[in-house]
C-alpha atoms as a PDB file:
ATOM      1  CA  MET A   1      -0.117   0.071   0.013  1.00  0.00           C
ATOM      2  CA  TYR A   2       3.011   2.564   0.529  1.00  0.00           C
ATOM      3  CA  ASP A   3       4.075   2.026  -2.946  1.00  0.00           C
ATOM      4  CA  LEU A   4       0.435   3.502  -4.231  1.00  0.00           C
ATOM      5  CA  PRO A   5       0.753   7.632  -5.019  1.00  0.00           C
ATOM      6  CA  LEU A   6      -0.714   9.376  -2.119  1.00  0.00           C
ATOM      7  CA  PRO A   7      -4.127  10.204  -3.332  1.00  0.00           C
ATOM      8  CA  ILE A   8      -4.674   6.684  -3.980  1.00  0.00           C
ATOM      9  CA  GLN A   9      -3.470   6.049  -0.178  1.00  0.00           C
ATOM     10  CA  SER A  10      -5.784   8.213   1.236  1.00  0.00           C
ATOM     11  CA  PHE A  11      -8.551   7.147  -0.489  1.00  0.00           C
ATOM     12  CA  TRP A  12      -8.270   4.207   0.980  1.00  0.00           C
ATOM     13  CA  ARG A  13      -7.784   5.038   4.237  1.00  0.00           C
ATOM     14  CA  ARG A  14     -10.892   7.103   3.845  1.00  0.00           C
ATOM     15  CA  ILE A  15     -12.933   3.848   2.864  1.00  0.00           C
ATOM     16  CA  LYS A  16     -11.587   1.982   5.661  1.00  0.00           C
ATOM     17  CA  TRP A  17     -12.721   4.678   7.978  1.00  0.00           C
ATOM     18  CA  ILE A  18     -16.118   4.775   6.414  1.00  0.00           C
ATOM     19  CA  VAL A  19     -16.611   0.806   6.512  1.00  0.00           C
ATOM     20  CA  ALA A  20     -15.475   0.896  10.287  1.00  0.00           C
ATOM     21  CA  TRP A  21     -17.544   3.925  10.839  1.00  0.00           C
ATOM     22  CA  TRP A  22     -20.792   1.932   9.777  1.00  0.00           C
ATOM     23  CA  VAL A  23     -19.485  -1.408  11.125  1.00  0.00           C
ATOM     24  CA  ARG A  24     -19.272   0.027  14.188  1.00  0.00           C
ATOM     25  CA  HIS A  25     -22.887   1.702  14.521  1.00  0.00           C
ATOM     26  CA  ILE A  26     -24.389  -1.521  13.113  1.00  0.00           C
ATOM     27  CA  LEU A  27     -22.959  -3.417  16.288  1.00  0.00           C
ATOM     28  CA  LYS A  28     -24.097  -0.584  18.684  1.00  0.00           C
ATOM     29  CA  ILE A  29     -27.658  -2.023  17.084  1.00  0.00           C
ATOM     30  CA  LEU A  30     -27.313  -5.500  16.958  1.00  0.00           C
ATOM     31  CA  PHE A  31     -26.498  -5.501  20.859  1.00  0.00           C
ATOM     32  CA  PHE A  32     -29.672  -4.631  21.807  1.00  0.00           C
ATOM     33  CA  LEU A  33     -31.118  -7.620  19.990  1.00  0.00           C
ATOM     34  CA  PRO A  34     -31.830 -10.319  22.413  1.00  0.00           C
ATOM     35  CA  VAL A  35     -29.809 -13.145  22.392  1.00  0.00           C
ATOM     36  CA  ARG A  36     -31.613 -16.863  22.710  1.00  0.00           C
ATOM     37  CA  LYS A  37     -30.296 -19.042  25.738  1.00  0.00           C
ATOM     38  CA  LYS A  38     -29.808 -22.978  24.592  1.00  0.00           C
ATOM     39  CA  ARG A  39     -28.630 -22.174  21.088  1.00  0.00           C
ATOM     40  CA  VAL A  40     -25.142 -22.675  19.686  1.00  0.00           C
ATOM     41  CA  ILE A  41     -23.816 -21.871  16.594  1.00  0.00           C
ATOM     42  CA  LEU A  42     -21.071 -23.876  14.640  1.00  0.00           C
ATOM     43  CA  SER A  43     -19.329 -23.617  11.876  1.00  0.00           C
ATOM     44  CA  ALA A  44     -15.935 -25.393  10.458  1.00  0.00           C
ATOM     45  CA  ASN A  45     -13.411 -24.119   7.856  1.00  0.00           C
ATOM     46  CA  GLY A  46     -15.728 -21.532   6.309  1.00  0.00           C
ATOM     47  CA  GLY A  47     -18.976 -23.774   5.837  1.00  0.00           C
ATOM     48  CA  LEU A  48     -16.991 -26.560   4.052  1.00  0.00           C
ATOM     49  CA  GLU A  49     -17.339 -29.748   5.663  1.00  0.00           C
ATOM     50  CA  TYR A  50     -18.562 -31.163   9.125  1.00  0.00           C
ATOM     51  CA  PHE A  51     -15.300 -31.935  10.427  1.00  0.00           C
ATOM     52  CA  CYS A  52     -12.568 -31.020  13.438  1.00  0.00           C
ATOM     53  CA  ASN A  53     -13.333 -29.869  16.614  1.00  0.00           C
ATOM     54  CA  PRO A  54     -16.620 -28.032  15.871  1.00  0.00           C
ATOM     55  CA  LYS A  55     -18.064 -31.645  14.947  1.00  0.00           C
ATOM     56  CA  TYR A  56     -16.931 -32.961  18.295  1.00  0.00           C
ATOM     57  CA  ILE A  57     -18.525 -30.367  19.958  1.00  0.00           C
ATOM     58  CA  SER A  58     -21.558 -30.644  18.698  1.00  0.00           C
ATOM     59  CA  GLU A  59     -21.804 -34.365  18.766  1.00  0.00           C
ATOM     60  CA  TYR A  60     -21.031 -34.087  22.701  1.00  0.00           C
ATOM     61  CA  LEU A  61     -23.720 -31.383  23.183  1.00  0.00           C
ATOM     62  CA  ILE A  62     -26.264 -33.527  21.127  1.00  0.00           C
ATOM     63  CA  ARG A  63     -25.176 -36.519  23.554  1.00  0.00           C
ATOM     64  CA  TYR A  64     -25.118 -34.677  26.725  1.00  0.00           C
ATOM     65  CA  GLY A  65     -26.451 -30.953  26.374  1.00  0.00           C
ATOM     66  CA  GLY A  66     -30.053 -31.781  26.653  1.00  0.00           C
ATOM     67  CA  LYS A  67     -33.061 -31.952  24.766  1.00  0.00           C
ATOM     68  CA  ASP A  68     -34.031 -28.265  24.569  1.00  0.00           C
ATOM     69  CA  LEU A  69     -30.392 -27.347  23.016  1.00  0.00           C
ATOM     70  CA  GLU A  70     -30.740 -26.105  19.509  1.00  0.00           C
ATOM     71  CA  ILE A  71     -27.494 -26.351  17.322  1.00  0.00           C
ATOM     72  CA  ILE A  72     -26.737 -24.879  13.858  1.00  0.00           C
ATOM     73  CA  TRP A  73     -24.313 -25.607  11.716  1.00  0.00           C
ATOM     74  CA  GLY A  74     -23.356 -23.188   8.641  1.00  0.00           C
ATOM     75  CA  PHE A  75     -22.279 -25.141   5.323  1.00  0.00           C
ATOM     76  CA  ILE A  76     -22.053 -23.618   1.846  1.00  0.00           C
ATOM     77  CA  HIS A  77     -24.191 -26.280   0.652  1.00  0.00           C
ATOM     78  CA  PRO A  78     -26.204 -27.212   3.829  1.00  0.00           C
ATOM     79  CA  GLU A  79     -28.324 -29.725   1.684  1.00  0.00           C
ATOM     80  CA  LYS A  80     -25.802 -32.156   1.763  1.00  0.00           C
ATOM     81  CA  TYR A  81     -25.461 -32.215   5.699  1.00  0.00           C
ATOM     82  CA  SER A  82     -29.471 -32.143   6.173  1.00  0.00           C
ATOM     83  CA  GLU A  83     -29.565 -35.865   7.341  1.00  0.00           C
ATOM     84  CA  ILE A  84     -27.760 -35.522  10.582  1.00  0.00           C
ATOM     85  CA  PRO A  85     -29.122 -36.099  13.261  1.00  0.00           C
ATOM     86  CA  GLY A  86     -29.820 -33.261  16.021  1.00  0.00           C
ATOM     87  CA  ILE A  87     -28.476 -30.468  14.234  1.00  0.00           C
ATOM     88  CA  LYS A  88     -30.133 -27.625  11.883  1.00  0.00           C
ATOM     89  CA  ALA A  89     -28.267 -26.880   8.705  1.00  0.00           C
ATOM     90  CA  VAL A  90     -28.494 -23.495   7.422  1.00  0.00           C
ATOM     91  CA  LYS A  91     -26.636 -21.826   4.380  1.00  0.00           C
ATOM     92  CA  VAL A  92     -23.516 -19.152   5.447  1.00  0.00           C
ATOM     93  CA  ASN A  93     -23.683 -15.696   5.313  1.00  0.00           C
ATOM     94  CA  SER A  94     -27.831 -16.082   4.334  1.00  0.00           C
ATOM     95  CA  PRO A  95     -30.312 -14.476   6.174  1.00  0.00           C
ATOM     96  CA  ALA A  96     -31.092 -17.723   8.108  1.00  0.00           C
ATOM     97  CA  TRP A  97     -27.527 -17.820   9.077  1.00  0.00           C
ATOM     98  CA  PHE A  98     -27.763 -13.976  10.239  1.00  0.00           C
ATOM     99  CA  TYR A  99     -30.975 -14.535  12.294  1.00  0.00           C
ATOM    100  CA  TYR A 100     -29.940 -17.135  14.014  1.00  0.00           C
END
Protein backbone atom coordinates (compact mmCIF):
# COMPACT_ATOMS: atom_id res chain seq x y z
CA MET A 1 0.00 0.00 0.00
CA TYR A 2 2.92 2.32 0.57
CA ASP A 3 3.96 1.96 -3.08
CA LEU A 4 0.73 3.59 -4.20
CA PRO A 5 0.59 7.31 -4.97
CA LEU A 6 -0.49 9.51 -2.07
CA PRO A 7 -4.01 10.35 -3.40
CA ILE A 8 -4.82 6.65 -3.71
CA GLN A 9 -3.50 5.93 -0.21
CA SER A 10 -5.69 8.65 1.26
CA PHE A 11 -8.67 7.30 -0.70
CA TRP A 12 -8.24 3.83 0.83
CA ARG A 13 -7.80 5.33 4.30
CA ARG A 14 -11.11 7.14 3.87
CA ILE A 15 -12.82 3.96 2.67
CA LYS A 16 -11.48 2.01 5.67
CA TRP A 17 -12.65 4.76 8.03
CA ILE A 18 -16.16 4.77 6.49
CA VAL A 19 -16.45 0.97 6.69
CA ALA A 20 -15.22 0.97 10.30
CA TRP A 21 -17.74 3.70 11.18
CA TRP A 22 -20.65 1.73 9.68
CA VAL A 23 -19.61 -1.54 11.30
CA ARG A 24 -19.28 0.17 14.68
CA HIS A 25 -22.79 1.63 14.45
CA ILE A 26 -24.39 -1.56 13.15
CA LEU A 27 -22.87 -3.49 16.04
CA LYS A 28 -24.28 -0.93 18.49
CA ILE A 29 -27.75 -1.57 17.07
CA LEU A 30 -27.30 -5.37 17.14
CA PHE A 31 -26.23 -5.18 20.79
CA PHE A 32 -29.84 -4.47 21.78
CA LEU A 33 -31.29 -7.54 20.05
CA PRO A 34 -32.13 -10.43 22.36
CA VAL A 35 -29.75 -13.37 22.63
CA ARG A 36 -31.41 -16.76 22.72
CA LYS A 37 -30.18 -19.11 25.37
CA LYS A 38 -29.79 -22.82 24.64
CA ARG A 39 -28.59 -22.14 21.07
CA VAL A 40 -25.14 -22.97 19.68
CA ILE A 41 -23.94 -21.84 16.24
CA LEU A 42 -21.02 -23.73 14.69
CA SER A 43 -19.09 -23.74 11.44
CA ALA A 44 -15.86 -25.42 10.37
CA ASN A 45 -13.48 -24.08 7.75
CA GLY A 46 -15.91 -21.46 6.49
CA GLY A 47 -18.75 -23.95 6.08
CA LEU A 48 -16.97 -26.41 3.80
CA GLU A 49 -17.49 -29.59 5.80
CA TYR A 50 -18.76 -31.19 8.99
CA PHE A 51 -15.43 -32.01 10.66
CA CYS A 52 -12.73 -31.02 13.14
CA ASN A 53 -13.31 -29.76 16.68
CA PRO A 54 -16.75 -28.18 16.07
CA LYS A 55 -18.03 -31.58 14.90
CA TYR A 56 -17.01 -33.27 18.13
CA ILE A 57 -18.26 -30.37 20.23
CA SER A 58 -21.68 -30.60 18.57
CA GLU A 59 -21.78 -34.39 18.97
CA TYR A 60 -20.95 -34.02 22.67
CA LEU A 61 -23.64 -31.36 23.09
CA ILE A 62 -26.21 -33.56 21.31
CA ARG A 63 -25.36 -36.48 23.57
CA TYR A 64 -25.03 -34.65 26.91
CA GLY A 65 -26.45 -31.15 26.40
CA GLY A 66 -30.11 -31.89 26.83
CA LYS A 67 -33.13 -32.05 24.58
CA ASP A 68 -33.86 -28.32 24.53
CA LEU A 69 -30.43 -27.35 23.12
CA GLU A 70 -30.60 -26.07 19.54
CA ILE A 71 -27.45 -26.64 17.44
CA ILE A 72 -27.11 -24.68 14.21
CA TRP A 73 -24.39 -25.54 11.70
CA GLY A 74 -23.40 -23.21 8.87
CA PHE A 75 -22.50 -24.82 5.55
CA ILE A 76 -21.88 -23.60 2.03
CA HIS A 77 -24.07 -26.48 0.78
CA PRO A 78 -26.47 -27.25 3.67
CA GLU A 79 -28.52 -29.73 1.65
CA LYS A 80 -25.64 -32.22 1.85
CA TYR A 81 -25.74 -32.21 5.65
CA SER A 82 -29.46 -32.05 6.37
CA GLU A 83 -29.57 -35.73 7.44
CA ILE A 84 -27.24 -35.30 10.43
CA PRO A 85 -29.38 -35.94 13.53
CA GLY A 86 -29.64 -33.24 16.16
CA ILE A 87 -28.45 -30.28 14.08
CA LYS A 88 -30.06 -27.72 11.85
CA ALA A 89 -28.05 -26.95 8.70
CA VAL A 90 -28.21 -23.43 7.24
CA LYS A 91 -26.29 -21.70 4.48
CA VAL A 92 -23.35 -19.60 5.65
CA ASN A 93 -23.82 -15.82 5.16
CA SER A 94 -27.49 -16.23 4.29
CA PRO A 95 -30.34 -14.41 6.06
CA ALA A 96 -31.03 -17.60 8.05
CA TRP A 97 -27.40 -17.67 9.22
CA PHE A 98 -27.63 -14.10 10.51
CA TYR A 99 -31.05 -14.73 12.04
CA TYR A 100 -29.64 -17.44 14.27
